[in-house]
């Protein structure tokens, strides 16, 4: 059969291009987590190389103060950190599958 390391398409739970995957605590983006763990951070996948921390902070500010944004360009993902778990849950629910600022 195929090697466990060979890509065979999206992993279960992996978001389509441009979508915001579910927050899973502080995940290793390559390893799907079991269950949905509420956290103050939300994981954002498929981040464009032109995305900035300022754009993400402004895009998520409607749901509460954004404490920090961490973009990992080598993994094309980011984490947006809120003051409370409730703010992160609300932001994730509203932004799931959305494209941020067209980038």
N, C-alpha and C. Protein backbone atom coordinates (compact mmCIF):
# COMPACT_ATOMS: atom_id res chain seq x y z
N UNK A 1 0.82 -1.19 0.00
CA UNK A 1 0.00 0.00 0.00
C UNK A 1 0.86 1.25 0.00
N UNK A 2 0.22 2.42 0.03
CA UNK A 2 0.99 3.67 0.01
C UNK A 2 1.76 3.86 1.30
N UNK A 3 2.88 4.51 1.17
CA UNK A 3 3.69 4.84 2.35
C UNK A 3 2.91 5.80 3.25
N UNK A 4 3.03 5.66 4.57
CA UNK A 4 2.32 6.59 5.46
C UNK A 4 2.76 8.04 5.28
N UNK A 5 3.92 8.23 4.65
CA UNK A 5 4.42 9.59 4.45
C UNK A 5 4.01 10.17 3.10
N UNK A 6 3.46 9.36 2.21
CA UNK A 6 3.10 9.89 0.90
C UNK A 6 1.75 10.58 0.96
N UNK A 7 1.64 11.77 0.34
CA UNK A 7 0.37 12.49 0.38
C UNK A 7 -0.70 11.74 -0.39
N UNK A 8 -1.86 11.65 0.20
CA UNK A 8 -2.99 10.98 -0.45
C UNK A 8 -4.20 11.90 -0.45
N UNK A 9 -3.95 13.20 -0.57
CA UNK A 9 -5.05 14.16 -0.53
C UNK A 9 -5.20 14.73 0.87
N UNK A 10 -6.24 15.54 1.07
CA UNK A 10 -6.43 16.19 2.37
C UNK A 10 -6.68 15.17 3.47
N UNK A 11 -6.11 15.41 4.63
CA UNK A 11 -6.36 14.57 5.79
C UNK A 11 -7.78 14.81 6.27
N UNK A 12 -8.36 13.86 6.98
CA UNK A 12 -9.68 14.10 7.56
C UNK A 12 -9.65 15.36 8.43
N UNK A 13 -10.62 16.22 8.25
CA UNK A 13 -10.68 17.45 9.03
C UNK A 13 -9.86 18.58 8.44
N UNK A 14 -9.10 18.34 7.38
CA UNK A 14 -8.30 19.40 6.78
C UNK A 14 -9.21 20.32 5.99
N UNK A 15 -8.99 21.61 6.12
CA UNK A 15 -9.85 22.59 5.47
C UNK A 15 -9.51 22.72 3.99
N UNK A 16 -10.49 23.07 3.18
CA UNK A 16 -10.21 23.36 1.77
C UNK A 16 -9.41 24.65 1.65
N UNK A 17 -8.86 24.87 0.49
CA UNK A 17 -8.07 26.07 0.23
C UNK A 17 -8.85 27.32 0.61
N UNK A 18 -8.24 28.21 1.36
CA UNK A 18 -8.86 29.48 1.70
C UNK A 18 -9.77 29.43 2.90
N UNK A 19 -9.97 28.27 3.50
CA UNK A 19 -10.88 28.18 4.65
C UNK A 19 -10.11 28.32 5.95
N UNK A 20 -10.83 28.61 7.00
CA UNK A 20 -10.24 28.71 8.33
C UNK A 20 -10.54 27.40 9.06
N UNK A 21 -9.56 26.55 9.24
CA UNK A 21 -9.82 25.30 9.96
C UNK A 21 -10.23 25.57 11.40
N UNK A 22 -10.85 24.60 12.01
CA UNK A 22 -11.27 24.73 13.39
C UNK A 22 -10.07 24.88 14.31
N UNK A 23 -10.24 25.69 15.35
CA UNK A 23 -9.18 25.82 16.36
C UNK A 23 -9.08 24.50 17.12
N UNK A 24 -7.90 24.11 17.42
CA UNK A 24 -7.69 22.86 18.15
C UNK A 24 -6.63 23.08 19.22
N UNK A 25 -6.88 24.05 20.10
CA UNK A 25 -5.88 24.34 21.13
C UNK A 25 -4.65 24.92 20.48
N UNK A 26 -3.49 24.39 20.80
CA UNK A 26 -2.24 24.81 20.18
C UNK A 26 -1.74 23.63 19.35
N UNK A 27 -2.22 23.52 18.09
CA UNK A 27 -1.99 22.30 17.33
C UNK A 27 -0.65 22.27 16.61
N UNK A 28 -0.25 21.08 16.27
CA UNK A 28 0.76 20.88 15.24
C UNK A 28 -0.06 20.83 13.95
N UNK A 29 0.06 21.84 13.07
CA UNK A 29 -0.83 21.91 11.91
C UNK A 29 -0.84 20.66 11.04
N UNK A 30 0.22 19.86 11.05
CA UNK A 30 0.25 18.67 10.22
C UNK A 30 -0.40 17.45 10.85
N UNK A 31 -0.80 17.56 12.13
CA UNK A 31 -1.36 16.41 12.83
C UNK A 31 -2.79 16.73 13.26
N UNK A 32 -3.79 16.06 12.67
CA UNK A 32 -5.16 16.35 13.09
C UNK A 32 -5.37 16.01 14.56
N UNK A 33 -6.06 16.88 15.26
CA UNK A 33 -6.35 16.65 16.67
C UNK A 33 -7.66 15.88 16.78
N UNK A 34 -7.83 15.21 17.90
CA UNK A 34 -9.08 14.49 18.15
C UNK A 34 -9.97 15.40 18.96
N UNK A 35 -11.15 15.70 18.43
CA UNK A 35 -12.08 16.56 19.15
C UNK A 35 -11.74 18.03 18.97
N UNK A 36 -12.64 18.86 19.41
CA UNK A 36 -12.49 20.30 19.28
C UNK A 36 -12.24 20.87 20.67
N UNK A 37 -11.04 21.36 20.93
CA UNK A 37 -10.67 21.85 22.24
C UNK A 37 -10.81 23.36 22.26
N UNK A 38 -11.71 23.92 23.08
CA UNK A 38 -11.82 25.38 23.13
C UNK A 38 -10.50 26.01 23.57
N UNK A 39 -10.12 27.09 22.93
CA UNK A 39 -8.87 27.76 23.24
C UNK A 39 -8.99 29.24 22.90
N UNK A 40 -8.10 30.05 23.45
CA UNK A 40 -8.08 31.49 23.14
C UNK A 40 -7.44 31.75 21.79
N UNK A 41 -6.82 30.75 21.20
CA UNK A 41 -6.17 30.89 19.90
C UNK A 41 -7.00 30.19 18.84
N UNK A 42 -7.02 30.78 17.65
CA UNK A 42 -7.61 30.07 16.53
C UNK A 42 -6.54 29.90 15.46
N UNK A 43 -6.55 28.75 14.84
CA UNK A 43 -5.60 28.38 13.79
C UNK A 43 -6.20 28.79 12.46
N UNK A 44 -5.40 29.43 11.63
CA UNK A 44 -5.84 29.86 10.30
C UNK A 44 -4.93 29.22 9.28
N UNK A 45 -5.52 28.45 8.39
CA UNK A 45 -4.75 27.77 7.37
C UNK A 45 -4.76 28.51 6.05
N UNK A 46 -3.88 28.11 5.16
CA UNK A 46 -3.76 28.65 3.82
C UNK A 46 -3.60 30.17 3.85
N UNK A 47 -2.59 30.61 4.59
CA UNK A 47 -2.31 32.04 4.70
C UNK A 47 -1.42 32.46 3.54
N UNK A 48 -1.86 33.48 2.82
CA UNK A 48 -1.12 34.00 1.68
C UNK A 48 0.19 34.63 2.13
N UNK A 49 1.22 34.58 1.28
CA UNK A 49 2.49 35.24 1.61
C UNK A 49 2.35 36.76 1.79
N UNK A 50 1.26 37.34 1.24
CA UNK A 50 1.06 38.79 1.37
C UNK A 50 0.26 39.17 2.62
N UNK A 51 -0.19 38.18 3.39
CA UNK A 51 -0.95 38.46 4.61
C UNK A 51 -0.04 39.10 5.64
N UNK A 52 -0.60 40.04 6.40
CA UNK A 52 0.17 40.69 7.46
C UNK A 52 -0.54 40.53 8.80
N UNK A 53 0.21 40.74 9.88
CA UNK A 53 -0.38 40.68 11.22
C UNK A 53 -1.45 41.77 11.38
N UNK A 54 -1.22 42.94 10.79
CA UNK A 54 -2.17 44.04 10.89
C UNK A 54 -3.50 43.66 10.22
N UNK A 55 -3.44 43.07 9.03
CA UNK A 55 -4.66 42.66 8.33
C UNK A 55 -5.44 41.66 9.16
N UNK A 56 -4.77 40.65 9.69
CA UNK A 56 -5.45 39.64 10.50
C UNK A 56 -6.03 40.25 11.78
N UNK A 57 -5.27 41.11 12.42
CA UNK A 57 -5.75 41.74 13.66
C UNK A 57 -7.02 42.54 13.39
N UNK A 58 -7.03 43.31 12.32
CA UNK A 58 -8.21 44.11 11.97
C UNK A 58 -9.38 43.21 11.57
N UNK A 59 -9.12 42.13 10.86
CA UNK A 59 -10.18 41.24 10.40
C UNK A 59 -10.89 40.54 11.55
N UNK A 60 -10.19 40.32 12.66
CA UNK A 60 -10.76 39.59 13.79
C UNK A 60 -11.13 40.49 14.97
N UNK A 61 -10.90 41.78 14.87
CA UNK A 61 -11.15 42.70 15.99
C UNK A 61 -12.62 42.81 16.36
N UNK A 62 -13.54 42.49 15.45
CA UNK A 62 -14.97 42.59 15.76
C UNK A 62 -15.40 41.66 16.89
N UNK A 63 -14.61 40.64 17.17
CA UNK A 63 -15.00 39.65 18.18
C UNK A 63 -14.28 39.84 19.51
N UNK A 64 -13.52 40.89 19.63
CA UNK A 64 -12.85 41.18 20.90
C UNK A 64 -11.40 41.55 20.66
N UNK A 65 -10.76 42.01 21.72
CA UNK A 65 -9.35 42.41 21.58
C UNK A 65 -8.48 41.23 21.13
N UNK A 66 -7.70 41.47 20.09
CA UNK A 66 -6.75 40.46 19.62
C UNK A 66 -5.44 40.73 20.36
N UNK A 67 -5.05 39.76 21.18
CA UNK A 67 -3.84 39.93 21.98
C UNK A 67 -2.58 39.82 21.13
N UNK A 68 -2.60 38.90 20.16
CA UNK A 68 -1.44 38.75 19.29
C UNK A 68 -1.82 37.96 18.05
N UNK A 69 -0.99 38.11 17.03
CA UNK A 69 -1.12 37.36 15.79
C UNK A 69 0.26 36.80 15.49
N UNK A 70 0.30 35.53 15.16
CA UNK A 70 1.57 34.89 14.82
C UNK A 70 1.42 34.21 13.47
N UNK A 71 2.09 34.75 12.46
CA UNK A 71 2.06 34.16 11.12
C UNK A 71 3.30 33.29 10.95
N UNK A 72 3.08 32.04 10.51
CA UNK A 72 4.18 31.11 10.26
C UNK A 72 4.29 30.92 8.75
N UNK A 73 5.06 31.78 8.06
CA UNK A 73 5.08 31.75 6.59
C UNK A 73 5.58 30.43 6.02
N UNK A 74 6.48 29.74 6.72
CA UNK A 74 6.99 28.48 6.18
C UNK A 74 5.94 27.38 6.22
N UNK A 75 4.89 27.57 7.03
CA UNK A 75 3.80 26.59 7.11
C UNK A 75 2.51 27.14 6.50
N UNK A 76 2.55 28.36 5.97
CA UNK A 76 1.39 29.05 5.40
C UNK A 76 0.17 28.99 6.32
N UNK A 77 0.42 29.28 7.61
CA UNK A 77 -0.68 29.30 8.58
C UNK A 77 -0.42 30.43 9.57
N UNK A 78 -1.42 30.67 10.41
CA UNK A 78 -1.29 31.72 11.43
C UNK A 78 -2.13 31.33 12.64
N UNK A 79 -1.85 32.00 13.75
CA UNK A 79 -2.64 31.88 14.97
C UNK A 79 -3.07 33.27 15.38
N UNK A 80 -4.35 33.43 15.68
CA UNK A 80 -4.88 34.69 16.20
C UNK A 80 -5.27 34.40 17.65
N UNK A 81 -4.74 35.18 18.58
CA UNK A 81 -4.94 34.96 20.01
C UNK A 81 -5.83 36.05 20.60
N UNK A 82 -6.93 35.63 21.21
CA UNK A 82 -7.90 36.55 21.81
C UNK A 82 -7.72 36.61 23.32
N UNK A 83 -8.42 37.54 23.95
CA UNK A 83 -8.38 37.69 25.40
C UNK A 83 -9.12 36.57 26.11
N UNK A 84 -10.19 36.06 25.48
CA UNK A 84 -10.99 35.01 26.12
C UNK A 84 -11.31 33.89 25.13
N UNK A 85 -11.62 32.74 25.68
CA UNK A 85 -12.03 31.60 24.86
C UNK A 85 -13.32 31.93 24.12
N UNK A 86 -14.25 32.62 24.80
CA UNK A 86 -15.54 32.95 24.19
C UNK A 86 -15.36 33.81 22.93
N UNK A 87 -14.42 34.76 22.98
CA UNK A 87 -14.16 35.61 21.81
C UNK A 87 -13.61 34.77 20.66
N UNK A 88 -12.71 33.85 20.98
CA UNK A 88 -12.13 32.99 19.95
C UNK A 88 -13.20 32.10 19.32
N UNK A 89 -14.09 31.55 20.14
CA UNK A 89 -15.15 30.68 19.63
C UNK A 89 -16.08 31.48 18.71
N UNK A 90 -16.44 32.69 19.11
CA UNK A 90 -17.33 33.53 18.29
C UNK A 90 -16.66 33.91 16.97
N UNK A 91 -15.39 34.28 17.02
CA UNK A 91 -14.66 34.65 15.81
C UNK A 91 -14.55 33.46 14.86
N UNK A 92 -14.22 32.31 15.40
CA UNK A 92 -14.09 31.12 14.56
C UNK A 92 -15.43 30.79 13.90
N UNK A 93 -16.52 30.84 14.66
CA UNK A 93 -17.83 30.52 14.12
C UNK A 93 -18.21 31.48 12.98
N UNK A 94 -17.89 32.76 13.15
CA UNK A 94 -18.24 33.77 12.14
C UNK A 94 -17.33 33.70 10.92
N UNK A 95 -16.06 33.37 11.12
CA UNK A 95 -15.08 33.45 10.03
C UNK A 95 -14.78 32.12 9.35
N UNK A 96 -15.32 31.02 9.86
CA UNK A 96 -15.06 29.70 9.27
C UNK A 96 -15.35 29.73 7.77
N UNK A 97 -14.35 29.37 6.97
CA UNK A 97 -14.53 29.29 5.51
C UNK A 97 -14.44 30.62 4.78
N UNK A 98 -14.20 31.71 5.49
CA UNK A 98 -14.15 33.03 4.87
C UNK A 98 -12.73 33.33 4.36
N UNK A 99 -12.65 34.17 3.34
CA UNK A 99 -11.38 34.68 2.85
C UNK A 99 -11.18 36.04 3.52
N UNK A 100 -9.99 36.25 4.07
CA UNK A 100 -9.69 37.48 4.78
C UNK A 100 -9.00 38.46 3.83
N UNK A 101 -9.60 39.60 3.65
CA UNK A 101 -9.02 40.72 2.89
C UNK A 101 -8.59 40.32 1.48
N UNK A 102 -9.17 39.28 0.94
CA UNK A 102 -8.86 38.89 -0.42
C UNK A 102 -7.45 38.38 -0.63
N UNK A 103 -6.72 38.12 0.48
CA UNK A 103 -5.34 37.61 0.32
C UNK A 103 -5.21 36.24 0.94
